[in-house]
């Protein structure tokens, strides 16, 4: 629990999330995990949580970061796919994509520009 607080921030005990939003977050985070499982260069998955923490996150997927300073194009593409896995899961399982997936788009856009 202490590690979760350091990495993800304090648990939002007063945060009220309805069942539909909780389901969306669960599908989104599991989408990251499932997609990463099938990717050759994805970082190993450590934990998935749908406990709201920090300032904005309603959930997170935590990975063991690579120690490589430089990454190949293939590694970068796998990371992008893993990040977009949450959005894909929402689209496939719910038929729509929530605004909670906006941060994922920002991340992959920055990664794509870096390439």
Protein backbone atom coordinates (compact mmCIF):
# COMPACT_ATOMS: atom_id res chain seq x y z
CA UNK A 1 0.00 0.00 0.00
CA UNK A 2 2.84 2.40 0.76
CA UNK A 3 4.32 1.77 -2.67
CA UNK A 4 0.92 2.44 -4.26
CA UNK A 5 0.74 5.78 -2.43
CA UNK A 6 4.20 6.80 -3.61
CA UNK A 7 3.63 5.78 -7.22
CA UNK A 8 -0.02 6.65 -7.75
CA UNK A 9 -0.75 9.17 -5.03
CA UNK A 10 -3.18 9.01 -2.16
CA UNK A 11 -6.35 7.00 -2.58
CA UNK A 12 -9.37 9.22 -3.18
CA UNK A 13 -11.61 7.92 -0.40
CA UNK A 14 -14.27 10.57 -1.04
CA UNK A 15 -14.34 9.92 -4.78
CA UNK A 16 -17.71 8.53 -5.82
CA UNK A 17 -17.58 6.65 -9.09
CA UNK A 18 -20.76 5.14 -10.44
CA UNK A 19 -20.91 1.55 -11.62
CA UNK A 20 -20.77 2.45 -15.32
CA UNK A 21 -17.66 4.62 -14.91
CA UNK A 22 -15.99 1.95 -12.78
CA UNK A 23 -16.73 -0.60 -15.50
CA UNK A 24 -15.28 1.71 -18.16
CA UNK A 25 -12.10 2.22 -16.12
CA UNK A 26 -11.81 -1.55 -15.57
CA UNK A 27 -12.14 -2.27 -19.30
CA UNK A 28 -9.69 0.52 -20.12
CA UNK A 29 -6.98 -0.63 -17.71
CA UNK A 30 -7.43 -4.28 -18.61
CA UNK A 31 -7.06 -3.27 -22.26
CA UNK A 32 -3.58 -1.93 -21.53
CA UNK A 33 -2.69 -5.18 -19.76
CA UNK A 34 -4.08 -7.56 -22.38
CA UNK A 35 -2.48 -5.76 -25.31
CA UNK A 36 0.90 -5.61 -23.56
CA UNK A 37 0.74 -9.37 -22.91
CA UNK A 38 0.83 -10.03 -26.66
CA UNK A 39 3.57 -7.54 -27.57
CA UNK A 40 7.16 -8.67 -27.96
CA UNK A 41 8.77 -5.49 -26.63
CA UNK A 42 6.27 -4.35 -23.98
CA UNK A 43 7.61 -3.77 -20.48
CA UNK A 44 6.54 -6.46 -17.97
CA UNK A 45 3.23 -5.73 -16.22
CA UNK A 46 3.44 -5.34 -12.44
CA UNK A 47 -0.04 -4.27 -11.40
CA UNK A 48 -3.41 -3.03 -12.64
CA UNK A 49 -5.67 -0.99 -10.37
CA UNK A 50 -9.03 0.75 -10.68
CA UNK A 51 -8.69 2.48 -7.32
CA UNK A 52 -8.83 6.26 -7.92
CA UNK A 53 -5.56 7.89 -6.84
CA UNK A 54 -3.73 11.17 -7.20
CA UNK A 55 -5.09 14.24 -8.90
CA UNK A 56 -6.77 12.74 -11.95
CA UNK A 57 -6.20 9.01 -12.46
CA UNK A 58 -9.20 6.74 -11.98
CA UNK A 59 -6.98 3.71 -12.49
CA UNK A 60 -3.58 2.68 -13.76
CA UNK A 61 -1.51 -0.11 -15.22
CA UNK A 62 1.99 -0.23 -13.76
CA UNK A 63 4.92 -1.74 -15.66
CA UNK A 64 8.50 -2.61 -14.79
CA UNK A 65 10.40 0.06 -16.72
CA UNK A 66 13.11 -0.93 -19.14
CA UNK A 67 16.66 -0.04 -18.18
CA UNK A 68 17.51 0.78 -21.79
CA UNK A 69 18.33 4.42 -22.45
CA UNK A 70 17.81 4.05 -26.18
CA UNK A 71 14.86 2.20 -27.63
CA UNK A 72 14.31 0.82 -31.11
CA UNK A 73 11.48 1.74 -33.43
CA UNK A 74 9.90 -1.67 -32.76
CA UNK A 75 10.01 -1.09 -28.99
CA UNK A 76 8.47 2.36 -29.43
CA UNK A 77 5.67 1.00 -31.61
CA UNK A 78 4.90 -1.70 -29.03
CA UNK A 79 4.73 0.94 -26.28
CA UNK A 80 2.36 3.01 -28.39
CA UNK A 81 0.16 -0.05 -29.01
CA UNK A 82 0.15 -0.86 -25.29
CA UNK A 83 -0.90 2.67 -24.37
CA UNK A 84 -3.65 2.68 -27.00
CA UNK A 85 -4.87 -0.73 -25.77
CA UNK A 86 -7.07 0.99 -23.19
CA UNK A 87 -8.86 3.06 -25.84
CA UNK A 88 -9.22 -0.01 -28.07
CA UNK A 89 -10.78 -2.00 -25.22
CA UNK A 90 -13.31 0.76 -24.59
CA UNK A 91 -14.27 0.87 -28.28
CA UNK A 92 -14.52 -2.91 -28.67
CA UNK A 93 -16.23 -3.72 -25.37
CA UNK A 94 -18.37 -0.61 -24.85
CA UNK A 95 -18.79 0.73 -28.38
CA UNK A 96 -17.51 4.17 -27.34
CA UNK A 97 -14.38 5.87 -26.02
CA UNK A 98 -14.42 7.98 -22.86
CA UNK A 99 -12.62 11.23 -22.15
CA UNK A 100 -10.53 9.32 -19.62
CA UNK A 101 -8.49 8.04 -22.54
CA UNK A 102 -7.36 11.54 -23.55
CA UNK A 103 -4.14 11.29 -21.56
CA UNK A 104 -3.20 8.18 -23.54
CA UNK A 105 -3.47 10.16 -26.79
CA UNK A 106 -1.21 12.86 -25.38
CA UNK A 107 1.40 10.26 -24.41
CA UNK A 108 1.47 8.51 -27.78
CA UNK A 109 1.56 11.82 -29.64
CA UNK A 110 4.67 12.85 -27.70
CA UNK A 111 6.23 9.44 -28.31
CA UNK A 112 5.49 9.62 -32.04
CA UNK A 113 7.06 13.07 -32.32
CA UNK A 114 10.16 11.75 -30.53
CA UNK A 115 10.66 9.12 -33.23
